[in-house]
Amino acid sequence: MYRAEVRALLRRLGRAAGLPEDLAAGLSPHSMPHALATLNQRAGVPVSQISKLLGQSSIAVTSRYLDHLSNAAAIEALEAVELPALDV
């Protein structure tokens, strides 16, 4: 199977599963392990176990999959920080 065929198959499966077109269009073989790693991390699974689940030889590789901060997570982190008052 060619890479383009796999991407097209994933898009069709995404649409059949009811995903919005923009999400279905973003499905790729590369995005699948990222999604799996992120979902497991949010569920509290240790990185070492996620690494084994993905069949990766190194936790460092898995860490790269998880080193993406979404906009929502960035905003949440910033809102949690208590900043000192400004003297204006």
PDB file of N, CA and C in Angstrom:
ATOM      1  N   MET A   1       0.829  -1.173   0.000  1.00  0.00           N
ATOM      2  CA  MET A   1       0.000   0.000   0.000  1.00  0.00           C
ATOM      3  C   MET A   1       0.879   1.244   0.000  1.00  0.00           C
ATOM      4  N   TYR A   2       0.504   2.217  -0.771  1.00  0.00           N
ATOM      5  CA  TYR A   2       1.247   3.464  -0.809  1.00  0.00           C
ATOM      6  C   TYR A   2       0.780   4.393   0.307  1.00  0.00           C
ATOM      7  N   ARG A   3       1.659   5.322   0.669  1.00  0.00           N
ATOM      8  CA  ARG A   3       1.357   6.284   1.734  1.00  0.00           C
ATOM      9  C   ARG A   3       0.077   7.053   1.442  1.00  0.00           C
ATOM     10  N   ALA A   4      -0.115   7.480   0.214  1.00  0.00           N
ATOM     11  CA  ALA A   4      -1.317   8.236  -0.153  1.00  0.00           C
ATOM     12  C   ALA A   4      -2.584   7.392   0.011  1.00  0.00           C
ATOM     13  N   GLU A   5      -2.463   6.108  -0.256  1.00  0.00           N
ATOM     14  CA  GLU A   5      -3.623   5.218  -0.084  1.00  0.00           C
ATOM     15  C   GLU A   5      -3.993   5.079   1.394  1.00  0.00           C
ATOM     16  N   VAL A   6      -2.985   4.991   2.245  1.00  0.00           N
ATOM     17  CA  VAL A   6      -3.237   4.878   3.682  1.00  0.00           C
ATOM     18  C   VAL A   6      -3.890   6.157   4.204  1.00  0.00           C
ATOM     19  N   ARG A   7      -3.380   7.308   3.764  1.00  0.00           N
ATOM     20  CA  ARG A   7      -3.974   8.588   4.191  1.00  0.00           C
ATOM     21  C   ARG A   7      -5.426   8.682   3.730  1.00  0.00           C
ATOM     22  N   ALA A   8      -5.697   8.305   2.493  1.00  0.00           N
ATOM     23  CA  ALA A   8      -7.071   8.358   1.972  1.00  0.00           C
ATOM     24  C   ALA A   8      -7.978   7.408   2.753  1.00  0.00           C
ATOM     25  N   LEU A   9      -7.473   6.235   3.081  1.00  0.00           N
ATOM     26  CA  LEU A   9      -8.253   5.273   3.859  1.00  0.00           C
ATOM     27  C   LEU A   9      -8.572   5.830   5.241  1.00  0.00           C
ATOM     28  N   LEU A  10      -7.577   6.432   5.896  1.00  0.00           N
ATOM     29  CA  LEU A  10      -7.816   7.014   7.217  1.00  0.00           C
ATOM     30  C   LEU A  10      -8.854   8.143   7.154  1.00  0.00           C
ATOM     31  N   ARG A  11      -8.785   8.963   6.118  1.00  0.00           N
ATOM     32  CA  ARG A  11      -9.775  10.043   5.967  1.00  0.00           C
ATOM     33  C   ARG A  11     -11.176   9.474   5.793  1.00  0.00           C
ATOM     34  N   ARG A  12     -11.300   8.442   4.957  1.00  0.00           N
ATOM     35  CA  ARG A  12     -12.617   7.821   4.759  1.00  0.00           C
ATOM     36  C   ARG A  12     -13.133   7.226   6.058  1.00  0.00           C
ATOM     37  N   LEU A  13     -12.258   6.554   6.791  1.00  0.00           N
ATOM     38  CA  LEU A  13     -12.657   5.969   8.067  1.00  0.00           C
ATOM     39  C   LEU A  13     -13.051   7.051   9.076  1.00  0.00           C
ATOM     40  N   GLY A  14     -12.326   8.157   9.066  1.00  0.00           N
ATOM     41  CA  GLY A  14     -12.662   9.275   9.950  1.00  0.00           C
ATOM     42  C   GLY A  14     -14.026   9.853   9.646  1.00  0.00           C
ATOM     43  N   ARG A  15     -14.308  10.042   8.371  1.00  0.00           N
ATOM     44  CA  ARG A  15     -15.632  10.564   7.978  1.00  0.00           C
ATOM     45  C   ARG A  15     -16.718   9.554   8.325  1.00  0.00           C
ATOM     46  N   ALA A  16     -16.444   8.270   8.094  1.00  0.00           N
ATOM     47  CA  ALA A  16     -17.430   7.227   8.413  1.00  0.00           C
ATOM     48  C   ALA A  16     -17.691   7.159   9.917  1.00  0.00           C
ATOM     49  N   ALA A  17     -16.688   7.518  10.718  1.00  0.00           N
ATOM     50  CA  ALA A  17     -16.839   7.517  12.172  1.00  0.00           C
ATOM     51  C   ALA A  17     -17.549   8.769  12.663  1.00  0.00           C
ATOM     52  N   GLY A  18     -17.830   9.701  11.745  1.00  0.00           N
ATOM     53  CA  GLY A  18     -18.555  10.911  12.119  1.00  0.00           C
ATOM     54  C   GLY A  18     -17.685  12.089  12.489  1.00  0.00           C
ATOM     55  N   LEU A  19     -16.382  12.008  12.199  1.00  0.00           N
ATOM     56  CA  LEU A  19     -15.511  13.150  12.485  1.00  0.00           C
ATOM     57  C   LEU A  19     -15.830  14.303  11.544  1.00  0.00           C
ATOM     58  N   PRO A  20     -15.709  15.543  12.035  1.00  0.00           N
ATOM     59  CA  PRO A  20     -15.853  16.677  11.128  1.00  0.00           C
ATOM     60  C   PRO A  20     -14.795  16.605  10.019  1.00  0.00           C
ATOM     61  N   GLU A  21     -15.091  17.183   8.886  1.00  0.00           N
ATOM     62  CA  GLU A  21     -14.209  17.086   7.719  1.00  0.00           C
ATOM     63  C   GLU A  21     -12.793  17.568   8.020  1.00  0.00           C
ATOM     64  N   ASP A  22     -12.650  18.658   8.797  1.00  0.00           N
ATOM     65  CA  ASP A  22     -11.303  19.165   9.076  1.00  0.00           C
ATOM     66  C   ASP A  22     -10.489  18.176   9.917  1.00  0.00           C
ATOM     67  N   LEU A  23     -11.138  17.478  10.840  1.00  0.00           N
ATOM     68  CA  LEU A  23     -10.408  16.469  11.624  1.00  0.00           C
ATOM     69  C   LEU A  23     -10.115  15.227  10.792  1.00  0.00           C
ATOM     70  N   ALA A  24     -11.081  14.801  10.005  1.00  0.00           N
ATOM     71  CA  ALA A  24     -10.874  13.628   9.150  1.00  0.00           C
ATOM     72  C   ALA A  24      -9.741  13.885   8.165  1.00  0.00           C
ATOM     73  N   ALA A  25      -9.658  15.104   7.649  1.00  0.00           N
ATOM     74  CA  ALA A  25      -8.607  15.441   6.683  1.00  0.00           C
ATOM     75  C   ALA A  25      -7.221  15.434   7.333  1.00  0.00           C
ATOM     76  N   GLY A  26      -7.152  15.641   8.650  1.00  0.00           N
ATOM     77  CA  GLY A  26      -5.869  15.675   9.339  1.00  0.00           C
ATOM     78  C   GLY A  26      -5.362  14.316   9.782  1.00  0.00           C
ATOM     79  N   LEU A  27      -6.158  13.272   9.575  1.00  0.00           N
ATOM     80  CA  LEU A  27      -5.714  11.942   9.976  1.00  0.00           C
ATOM     81  C   LEU A  27      -4.591  11.454   9.069  1.00  0.00           C
ATOM     82  N   SER A  28      -3.578  10.899   9.687  1.00  0.00           N
ATOM     83  CA  SER A  28      -2.461  10.343   8.926  1.00  0.00           C
ATOM     84  C   SER A  28      -1.801   9.267   9.780  1.00  0.00           C
ATOM     85  N   PRO A  29      -1.004   8.418   9.165  1.00  0.00           N
ATOM     86  CA  PRO A  29      -0.284   7.427   9.957  1.00  0.00           C
ATOM     87  C   PRO A  29       0.596   8.085  11.027  1.00  0.00           C
ATOM     88  N   HIS A  30       1.102   9.268  10.734  1.00  0.00           N
ATOM     89  CA  HIS A  30       1.966   9.977  11.683  1.00  0.00           C
ATOM     90  C   HIS A  30       1.172  10.540  12.861  1.00  0.00           C
ATOM     91  N   SER A  31      -0.071  10.952  12.634  1.00  0.00           N
ATOM     92  CA  SER A  31      -0.856  11.560  13.710  1.00  0.00           C
ATOM     93  C   SER A  31      -1.399  10.529  14.695  1.00  0.00           C
ATOM     94  N   MET A  32      -1.515   9.291  14.289  1.00  0.00           N
ATOM     95  CA  MET A  32      -2.105   8.268  15.145  1.00  0.00           C
ATOM     96  C   MET A  32      -1.285   8.001  16.417  1.00  0.00           C
ATOM     97  N   PRO A  33       0.033   7.765  16.338  1.00  0.00           N
ATOM     98  CA  PRO A  33       0.767   7.547  17.584  1.00  0.00           C
ATOM     99  C   PRO A  33       0.807   8.797  18.468  1.00  0.00           C
ATOM    100  N   HIS A  34       0.802   9.992  17.862  1.00  0.00           N
ATOM    101  CA  HIS A  34       0.743  11.221  18.650  1.00  0.00           C
ATOM    102  C   HIS A  34      -0.537  11.249  19.471  1.00  0.00           C
ATOM    103  N   ALA A  35      -1.656  10.942  18.820  1.00  0.00           N
ATOM    104  CA  ALA A  35      -2.947  10.956  19.505  1.00  0.00           C
ATOM    105  C   ALA A  35      -2.987   9.902  20.605  1.00  0.00           C
ATOM    106  N   LEU A  36      -2.512   8.716  20.314  1.00  0.00           N
ATOM    107  CA  LEU A  36      -2.509   7.640  21.303  1.00  0.00           C
ATOM    108  C   LEU A  36      -1.650   8.007  22.511  1.00  0.00           C
ATOM    109  N   ALA A  37      -0.475   8.551  22.254  1.00  0.00           N
ATOM    110  CA  ALA A  37       0.422   8.946  23.344  1.00  0.00           C
ATOM    111  C   ALA A  37      -0.203  10.046  24.192  1.00  0.00           C
ATOM    112  N   THR A  38      -0.794  11.040  23.549  1.00  0.00           N
ATOM    113  CA  THR A  38      -1.403  12.158  24.274  1.00  0.00           C
ATOM    114  C   THR A  38      -2.582  11.699  25.116  1.00  0.00           C
ATOM    115  N   LEU A  39      -3.444  10.877  24.563  1.00  0.00           N
ATOM    116  CA  LEU A  39      -4.596  10.376  25.315  1.00  0.00           C
ATOM    117  C   LEU A  39      -4.153   9.557  26.524  1.00  0.00           C
ATOM    118  N   ASN A  40      -3.134   8.738  26.353  1.00  0.00           N
ATOM    119  CA  ASN A  40      -2.627   7.947  27.473  1.00  0.00           C
ATOM    120  C   ASN A  40      -1.984   8.821  28.534  1.00  0.00           C
ATOM    121  N   GLN A  41      -1.264   9.849  28.111  1.00  0.00           N
ATOM    122  CA  GLN A  41      -0.642  10.754  29.074  1.00  0.00           C
ATOM    123  C   GLN A  41      -1.715  11.465  29.895  1.00  0.00           C
ATOM    124  N   ARG A  42      -2.766  11.942  29.228  1.00  0.00           N
ATOM    125  CA  ARG A  42      -3.859  12.614  29.942  1.00  0.00           C
ATOM    126  C   ARG A  42      -4.565  11.667  30.908  1.00  0.00           C
ATOM    127  N   ALA A  43      -4.546  10.376  30.606  1.00  0.00           N
ATOM    128  CA  ALA A  43      -5.172   9.379  31.482  1.00  0.00           C
ATOM    129  C   ALA A  43      -4.259   8.988  32.638  1.00  0.00           C
ATOM    130  N   GLY A  44      -3.036   9.531  32.659  1.00  0.00           N
ATOM    131  CA  GLY A  44      -2.121   9.274  33.760  1.00  0.00           C
ATOM    132  C   GLY A  44      -1.193   8.096  33.568  1.00  0.00           C
ATOM    133  N   VAL A  45      -1.097   7.576  32.356  1.00  0.00           N
ATOM    134  CA  VAL A  45      -0.197   6.452  32.082  1.00  0.00           C
ATOM    135  C   VAL A  45       1.240   6.974  32.055  1.00  0.00           C
ATOM    136  N   PRO A  46       2.157   6.322  32.767  1.00  0.00           N
ATOM    137  CA  PRO A  46       3.552   6.765  32.772  1.00  0.00           C
ATOM    138  C   PRO A  46       4.175   6.704  31.370  1.00  0.00           C
ATOM    139  N   VAL A  47       5.116   7.599  31.130  1.00  0.00           N
ATOM    140  CA  VAL A  47       5.771   7.688  29.821  1.00  0.00           C
ATOM    141  C   VAL A  47       6.447   6.370  29.459  1.00  0.00           C
ATOM    142  N   SER A  48       7.015   5.688  30.436  1.00  0.00           N
ATOM    143  CA  SER A  48       7.695   4.417  30.143  1.00  0.00           C
ATOM    144  C   SER A  48       6.711   3.389  29.577  1.00  0.00           C
ATOM    145  N   GLN A  49       5.491   3.369  30.097  1.00  0.00           N
ATOM    146  CA  GLN A  49       4.491   2.426  29.589  1.00  0.00           C
ATOM    147  C   GLN A  49       3.982   2.846  28.216  1.00  0.00           C
ATOM    148  N   ILE A  50       3.820   4.157  28.011  1.00  0.00           N
ATOM    149  CA  ILE A  50       3.388   4.658  26.698  1.00  0.00           C
ATOM    150  C   ILE A  50       4.432   4.283  25.652  1.00  0.00           C
ATOM    151  N   SER A  51       5.708   4.408  26.018  1.00  0.00           N
ATOM    152  CA  SER A  51       6.799   4.068  25.103  1.00  0.00           C
ATOM    153  C   SER A  51       6.714   2.604  24.677  1.00  0.00           C
ATOM    154  N   LYS A  52       6.453   1.731  25.645  1.00  0.00           N
ATOM    155  CA  LYS A  52       6.339   0.304  25.319  1.00  0.00           C
ATOM    156  C   LYS A  52       5.100   0.039  24.477  1.00  0.00           C
ATOM    157  N   LEU A  53       4.005   0.718  24.790  1.00  0.00           N
ATOM    158  CA  LEU A  53       2.769   0.554  24.035  1.00  0.00           C
ATOM    159  C   LEU A  53       2.962   0.924  22.565  1.00  0.00           C
ATOM    160  N   LEU A  54       3.733   1.981  22.331  1.00  0.00           N
ATOM    161  CA  LEU A  54       3.991   2.429  20.963  1.00  0.00           C
ATOM    162  C   LEU A  54       5.102   1.625  20.286  1.00  0.00           C
ATOM    163  N   GLY A  55       5.775   0.763  21.047  1.00  0.00           N
ATOM    164  CA  GLY A  55       6.844  -0.049  20.474  1.00  0.00           C
ATOM    165  C   GLY A  55       8.099   0.743  20.197  1.00  0.00           C
ATOM    166  N   GLN A  56       8.317   1.797  20.960  1.00  0.00           N
ATOM    167  CA  GLN A  56       9.496   2.627  20.745  1.00  0.00           C
ATOM    168  C   GLN A  56      10.634   2.148  21.629  1.00  0.00           C
ATOM    169  N   SER A  57      11.832   2.295  21.139  1.00  0.00           N
ATOM    170  CA  SER A  57      13.006   1.780  21.841  1.00  0.00           C
ATOM    171  C   SER A  57      13.496   2.729  22.926  1.00  0.00           C
ATOM    172  N   SER A  58      13.016   3.966  22.907  1.00  0.00           N
ATOM    173  CA  SER A  58      13.544   4.960  23.828  1.00  0.00           C
ATOM    174  C   SER A  58      12.424   5.852  24.366  1.00  0.00           C
ATOM    175  N   ILE A  59      12.512   6.145  25.648  1.00  0.00           N
ATOM    176  CA  ILE A  59      11.549   7.072  26.250  1.00  0.00           C
ATOM    177  C   ILE A  59      11.748   8.473  25.671  1.00  0.00           C
ATOM    178  N   ALA A  60      12.957   8.790  25.248  1.00  0.00           N
ATOM    179  CA  ALA A  60      13.228  10.104  24.659  1.00  0.00           C
ATOM    180  C   ALA A  60      12.391  10.314  23.396  1.00  0.00           C
ATOM    181  N   VAL A  61      12.221   9.272  22.606  1.00  0.00           N
ATOM    182  CA  VAL A  61      11.399   9.367  21.394  1.00  0.00           C
ATOM    183  C   VAL A  61       9.943   9.635  21.782  1.00  0.00           C
ATOM    184  N   THR A  62       9.457   8.906  22.777  1.00  0.00           N
ATOM    185  CA  THR A  62       8.079   9.084  23.231  1.00  0.00           C
ATOM    186  C   THR A  62       7.883  10.484  23.793  1.00  0.00           C
ATOM    187  N   SER A  63       8.874  10.993  24.487  1.00  0.00           N
ATOM    188  CA  SER A  63       8.779  12.337  25.061  1.00  0.00           C
ATOM    189  C   SER A  63       8.570  13.389  23.983  1.00  0.00           C
ATOM    190  N   ARG A  64       9.168  13.176  22.817  1.00  0.00           N
ATOM    191  CA  ARG A  64       8.965  14.117  21.705  1.00  0.00           C
ATOM    192  C   ARG A  64       7.513  14.107  21.238  1.00  0.00           C
ATOM    193  N   TYR A  65       6.875  12.951  21.288  1.00  0.00           N
ATOM    194  CA  TYR A  65       5.465  12.861  20.922  1.00  0.00           C
ATOM    195  C   TYR A  65       4.600  13.654  21.893  1.00  0.00           C
ATOM    196  N   LEU A  66       5.042  13.704  23.155  1.00  0.00           N
ATOM    197  CA  LEU A  66       4.236  14.336  24.195  1.00  0.00           C
ATOM    198  C   LEU A  66       4.630  15.786  24.455  1.00  0.00           C
ATOM    199  N   ASP A  67       5.625  16.270  23.757  1.00  0.00           N
ATOM    200  CA  ASP A  67       6.143  17.619  24.003  1.00  0.00           C
ATOM    201  C   ASP A  67       5.433  18.664  23.155  1.00  0.00           C
ATOM    202  N   HIS A  68       4.136  18.511  23.017  1.00  0.00           N
ATOM    203  CA  HIS A  68       3.351  19.478  22.257  1.00  0.00           C
ATOM    204  C   HIS A  68       2.293  20.046  23.178  1.00  0.00           C
ATOM    205  N   LEU A  69       2.370  21.327  23.440  1.00  0.00           N
ATOM    206  CA  LEU A  69       1.422  21.993  24.320  1.00  0.00           C
ATOM    207  C   LEU A  69       0.333  22.613  23.462  1.00  0.00           C
ATOM    208  N   SER A  70      -0.889  22.160  23.662  1.00  0.00           N
ATOM    209  CA  SER A  70      -1.995  22.710  22.878  1.00  0.00           C
ATOM    210  C   SER A  70      -2.301  24.128  23.349  1.00  0.00           C
ATOM    211  N   ASN A  71      -3.005  24.892  22.547  1.00  0.00           N
ATOM    212  CA  ASN A  71      -3.384  26.245  22.931  1.00  0.00           C
ATOM    213  C   ASN A  71      -4.210  26.230  24.209  1.00  0.00           C
ATOM    214  N   ALA A  72      -5.146  25.290  24.301  1.00  0.00           N
ATOM    215  CA  ALA A  72      -5.996  25.208  25.486  1.00  0.00           C
ATOM    216  C   ALA A  72      -5.163  24.902  26.726  1.00  0.00           C
ATOM    217  N   ALA A  73      -4.188  23.996  26.597  1.00  0.00           N
ATOM    218  CA  ALA A  73      -3.336  23.652  27.737  1.00  0.00           C
ATOM    219  C   ALA A  73      -2.450  24.836  28.120  1.00  0.00           C
ATOM    220  N   ALA A  74      -1.977  25.594  27.143  1.00  0.00           N
ATOM    221  CA  ALA A  74      -1.145  26.764  27.423  1.00  0.00           C
ATOM    222  C   ALA A  74      -1.950  27.823  28.169  1.00  0.00           C
ATOM    223  N   ILE A  75      -3.172  28.060  27.726  1.00  0.00           N
ATOM    224  CA  ILE A  75      -4.034  29.048  28.386  1.00  0.00           C
ATOM    225  C   ILE A  75      -4.349  28.601  29.812  1.00  0.00           C
ATOM    226  N   GLU A  76      -4.659  27.331  29.970  1.00  0.00           N
ATOM    227  CA  GLU A  76      -4.951  26.789  31.295  1.00  0.00           C
ATOM    228  C   GLU A  76      -3.761  26.961  32.234  1.00  0.00           C
ATOM    229  N   ALA A  77      -2.560  26.692  31.732  1.00  0.00           N
ATOM    230  CA  ALA A  77      -1.353  26.838  32.544  1.00  0.00           C
ATOM    231  C   ALA A  77      -1.119  28.294  32.919  1.00  0.00           C
ATOM    232  N   LEU A  78      -1.330  29.206  31.976  1.00  0.00           N
ATOM    233  CA  LEU A  78      -1.139  30.632  32.268  1.00  0.00           C
ATOM    234  C   LEU A  78      -2.168  31.145  33.274  1.00  0.00           C
ATOM    235  N   GLU A  79      -3.398  30.677  33.164  1.00  0.00           N
ATOM    236  CA  GLU A  79      -4.439  31.119  34.096  1.00  0.00           C
ATOM    237  C   GLU A  79      -4.179  30.613  35.510  1.00  0.00           C
ATOM    238  N   ALA A  80      -3.454  29.522  35.637  1.00  0.00           N
ATOM    239  CA  ALA A  80      -3.164  28.960  36.954  1.00  0.00           C
ATOM    240  C   ALA A  80      -2.032  29.695  37.672  1.00  0.00           C
ATOM    241  N   VAL A  81      -1.278  30.485  36.941  1.00  0.00           N
ATOM    242  CA  VAL A  81      -0.150  31.206  37.530  1.00  0.00           C
ATOM    243  C   VAL A  81      -0.651  32.474  38.222  1.00  0.00           C
ATOM    244  N   GLU A  82      -0.199  32.664  39.457  1.00  0.00           N
ATOM    245  CA  GLU A  82      -0.559  33.889  40.176  1.00  0.00           C
ATOM    246  C   GLU A  82       0.586  34.868  40.030  1.00  0.00           C
ATOM    247  N   LEU A  83       0.341  35.923  39.289  1.00  0.00           N
ATOM    248  CA  LEU A  83       1.368  36.924  39.037  1.00  0.00           C
ATOM    249  C   LEU A  83       1.280  38.038  40.086  1.00  0.00           C
ATOM    250  N   PRO A  84       2.420  38.624  40.434  1.00  0.00           N
ATOM    251  CA  PRO A  84       2.371  39.745  41.389  1.00  0.00           C
ATOM    252  C   PRO A  84       1.711  40.961  40.746  1.00  0.00           C
ATOM    253  N   ALA A  85       1.139  41.791  41.581  1.00  0.00           N
ATOM    254  CA  ALA A  85       0.490  43.010  41.090  1.00  0.00           C
ATOM    255  C   ALA A  85       1.544  43.953  40.518  1.00  0.00           C
ATOM    256  N   LEU A  86       1.167  44.673  39.485  1.00  0.00           N
ATOM    257  CA  LEU A  86       2.070  45.648  38.867  1.00  0.00           C
ATOM    258  C   LEU A  86       1.947  46.988  39.567  1.00  0.00           C
ATOM    259  N   ASP A  87       3.057  47.640  39.823  1.00  0.00           N
ATOM    260  CA  ASP A  87       3.048  48.989  40.392  1.00  0.00           C
ATOM    261  C   ASP A  87       3.036  49.974  39.239  1.00  0.00           C
ATOM    262  N   VAL A  88       1.862  50.522  38.968  1.00  0.00           N
ATOM    263  CA  VAL A  88       1.755  51.441  37.838  1.00  0.00           C
ATOM    264  C   VAL A  88       1.551  52.840  38.336  1.00  0.00           C
TER     265      VAL A  88
END
